[in-house]
Amino acid sequence: MVVVLDGLMMENFVNEVEKQKEVESILICGTNFPRWWKEDSLIIANINSHKSVDYILTNILS
């Protein structure tokens, strides 16, 4: 599983993850992410807040 935090800043890495169809991935990004991504693996979040990121990762990994 690949978890990408801040999809906008990691756009080149997101491109590589998107090519790997057999790899499960989750994209965590802000509302300014300019591309389409599968809804079941996209999390819109306040990526500038450590509490928000911590909450999301805690719930994903539990």
N, C-alpha and C. Protein backbone atom coordinates (compact mmCIF):
# COMPACT_ATOMS: atom_id res chain seq x y z
N MET A 1 0.84 -1.17 0.00
CA MET A 1 0.00 0.00 0.00
C MET A 1 0.89 1.24 0.00
N VAL A 2 0.51 2.21 -0.80
CA VAL A 2 1.22 3.48 -0.88
C VAL A 2 0.27 4.57 -0.41
N VAL A 3 0.71 5.35 0.57
CA VAL A 3 -0.06 6.51 1.03
C VAL A 3 0.72 7.74 0.62
N VAL A 4 0.11 8.59 -0.18
CA VAL A 4 0.76 9.82 -0.65
C VAL A 4 0.15 10.99 0.11
N LEU A 5 0.98 11.72 0.81
CA LEU A 5 0.54 12.89 1.54
C LEU A 5 0.89 14.14 0.74
N ASP A 6 -0.06 14.99 0.56
CA ASP A 6 0.07 16.23 -0.22
C ASP A 6 0.27 15.92 -1.69
N GLY A 7 -0.81 15.48 -2.31
CA GLY A 7 -0.79 15.09 -3.71
C GLY A 7 -0.30 16.17 -4.65
N LEU A 8 -0.59 17.43 -4.34
CA LEU A 8 -0.17 18.52 -5.22
C LEU A 8 1.35 18.66 -5.25
N MET A 9 1.98 18.63 -4.10
CA MET A 9 3.44 18.77 -4.03
C MET A 9 4.16 17.52 -4.54
N MET A 10 3.50 16.38 -4.48
CA MET A 10 4.11 15.11 -4.88
C MET A 10 3.56 14.65 -6.24
N GLU A 11 3.24 15.58 -7.12
CA GLU A 11 2.55 15.25 -8.37
C GLU A 11 3.32 14.25 -9.24
N ASN A 12 4.63 14.38 -9.34
CA ASN A 12 5.42 13.43 -10.13
C ASN A 12 5.36 12.03 -9.53
N PHE A 13 5.39 11.95 -8.21
CA PHE A 13 5.28 10.65 -7.54
C PHE A 13 3.88 10.08 -7.75
N VAL A 14 2.87 10.93 -7.70
CA VAL A 14 1.49 10.49 -7.96
C VAL A 14 1.38 9.91 -9.36
N ASN A 15 2.05 10.51 -10.33
CA ASN A 15 2.06 9.97 -11.69
C ASN A 15 2.61 8.56 -11.72
N GLU A 16 3.68 8.31 -10.98
CA GLU A 16 4.28 6.97 -10.95
C GLU A 16 3.37 5.98 -10.23
N VAL A 17 2.75 6.40 -9.15
CA VAL A 17 1.82 5.53 -8.43
C VAL A 17 0.64 5.16 -9.31
N GLU A 18 0.16 6.11 -10.07
CA GLU A 18 -0.99 5.88 -10.96
C GLU A 18 -0.68 4.83 -12.02
N LYS A 19 0.55 4.72 -12.43
CA LYS A 19 0.95 3.72 -13.43
C LYS A 19 0.93 2.31 -12.86
N GLN A 20 1.07 2.18 -11.55
CA GLN A 20 1.13 0.87 -10.90
C GLN A 20 -0.28 0.42 -10.55
N LYS A 21 -0.95 -0.21 -11.48
CA LYS A 21 -2.35 -0.60 -11.30
C LYS A 21 -2.55 -1.65 -10.22
N GLU A 22 -1.56 -2.48 -9.97
CA GLU A 22 -1.73 -3.56 -9.00
C GLU A 22 -1.40 -3.13 -7.57
N VAL A 23 -0.96 -1.90 -7.38
CA VAL A 23 -0.60 -1.40 -6.06
C VAL A 23 -1.76 -0.58 -5.50
N GLU A 24 -2.21 -0.95 -4.30
CA GLU A 24 -3.26 -0.19 -3.64
C GLU A 24 -2.67 1.13 -3.16
N SER A 25 -3.39 2.21 -3.36
CA SER A 25 -2.86 3.52 -2.98
C SER A 25 -3.96 4.40 -2.41
N ILE A 26 -3.55 5.31 -1.54
CA ILE A 26 -4.44 6.31 -0.97
C ILE A 26 -3.77 7.66 -1.15
N LEU A 27 -4.50 8.61 -1.64
CA LEU A 27 -3.98 9.95 -1.87
C LEU A 27 -4.64 10.91 -0.89
N ILE A 28 -3.83 11.57 -0.08
CA ILE A 28 -4.31 12.58 0.86
C ILE A 28 -3.88 13.93 0.31
N CYS A 29 -4.85 14.80 0.06
CA CYS A 29 -4.51 16.08 -0.54
C CYS A 29 -5.47 17.17 -0.09
N GLY A 30 -5.11 18.39 -0.40
CA GLY A 30 -5.98 19.53 -0.13
C GLY A 30 -6.97 19.71 -1.26
N THR A 31 -7.80 20.70 -1.13
CA THR A 31 -8.82 20.95 -2.15
C THR A 31 -8.25 21.50 -3.45
N ASN A 32 -6.97 21.85 -3.46
CA ASN A 32 -6.36 22.40 -4.66
C ASN A 32 -5.73 21.34 -5.57
N PHE A 33 -5.96 20.07 -5.30
CA PHE A 33 -5.43 19.01 -6.16
C PHE A 33 -6.17 19.04 -7.49
N PRO A 34 -5.48 19.26 -8.61
CA PRO A 34 -6.15 19.57 -9.88
C PRO A 34 -6.55 18.38 -10.75
N ARG A 35 -6.41 17.17 -10.25
CA ARG A 35 -6.66 16.01 -11.11
C ARG A 35 -7.77 15.14 -10.57
N TRP A 36 -8.28 14.29 -11.46
CA TRP A 36 -9.27 13.30 -11.05
C TRP A 36 -8.54 12.16 -10.37
N TRP A 37 -9.15 11.61 -9.32
CA TRP A 37 -8.62 10.44 -8.63
C TRP A 37 -9.80 9.63 -8.15
N LYS A 38 -9.65 8.31 -8.07
CA LYS A 38 -10.75 7.45 -7.62
C LYS A 38 -11.26 7.92 -6.25
N GLU A 39 -12.57 8.06 -6.12
CA GLU A 39 -13.15 8.55 -4.87
C GLU A 39 -12.89 7.63 -3.69
N ASP A 40 -12.80 6.33 -3.93
CA ASP A 40 -12.61 5.40 -2.81
C ASP A 40 -11.18 5.40 -2.28
N SER A 41 -10.28 6.11 -2.92
CA SER A 41 -8.90 6.18 -2.42
C SER A 41 -8.39 7.62 -2.37
N LEU A 42 -9.31 8.57 -2.24
CA LEU A 42 -8.95 9.98 -2.15
C LEU A 42 -9.48 10.55 -0.85
N ILE A 43 -8.62 11.23 -0.11
CA ILE A 43 -9.02 11.88 1.13
C ILE A 43 -8.67 13.35 1.01
N ILE A 44 -9.69 14.20 1.11
CA ILE A 44 -9.47 15.64 1.10
C ILE A 44 -9.27 16.07 2.55
N ALA A 45 -8.17 16.76 2.82
CA ALA A 45 -7.84 17.11 4.20
C ALA A 45 -7.09 18.43 4.26
N ASN A 46 -7.01 18.96 5.46
CA ASN A 46 -6.17 20.11 5.72
C ASN A 46 -4.75 19.58 5.93
N ILE A 47 -3.98 19.50 4.88
CA ILE A 47 -2.65 18.90 4.97
C ILE A 47 -1.64 19.80 5.65
N ASN A 48 -2.02 21.03 5.94
CA ASN A 48 -1.12 21.94 6.65
C ASN A 48 -1.26 21.81 8.16
N SER A 49 -2.19 21.00 8.62
CA SER A 49 -2.42 20.80 10.04
C SER A 49 -1.90 19.42 10.45
N HIS A 50 -0.95 19.40 11.37
CA HIS A 50 -0.42 18.12 11.84
C HIS A 50 -1.50 17.29 12.52
N LYS A 51 -2.43 17.94 13.22
CA LYS A 51 -3.50 17.20 13.89
C LYS A 51 -4.40 16.52 12.88
N SER A 52 -4.70 17.19 11.80
CA SER A 52 -5.54 16.61 10.75
C SER A 52 -4.87 15.39 10.12
N VAL A 53 -3.60 15.54 9.78
CA VAL A 53 -2.86 14.43 9.18
C VAL A 53 -2.74 13.27 10.16
N ASP A 54 -2.45 13.56 11.42
CA ASP A 54 -2.35 12.52 12.44
C ASP A 54 -3.66 11.77 12.59
N TYR A 55 -4.77 12.49 12.62
CA TYR A 55 -6.09 11.87 12.75
C TYR A 55 -6.37 10.94 11.58
N ILE A 56 -6.10 11.41 10.38
CA ILE A 56 -6.36 10.60 9.18
C ILE A 56 -5.51 9.35 9.17
N LEU A 57 -4.21 9.49 9.40
CA LEU A 57 -3.32 8.33 9.36
C LEU A 57 -3.65 7.34 10.47
N THR A 58 -4.01 7.84 11.65
CA THR A 58 -4.39 6.95 12.75
C THR A 58 -5.60 6.11 12.36
N ASN A 59 -6.58 6.73 11.72
CA ASN A 59 -7.79 6.00 11.34
C ASN A 59 -7.58 5.08 10.15
N ILE A 60 -6.73 5.46 9.22
CA ILE A 60 -6.44 4.59 8.09
C ILE A 60 -5.73 3.32 8.56
N LEU A 61 -4.78 3.49 9.46
CA LEU A 61 -3.93 2.38 9.86
C LEU A 61 -4.50 1.56 11.01
N SER A 62 -5.66 1.95 11.55
CA SER A 62 -6.22 1.19 12.67
C SER A 62 -7.07 0.03 12.18
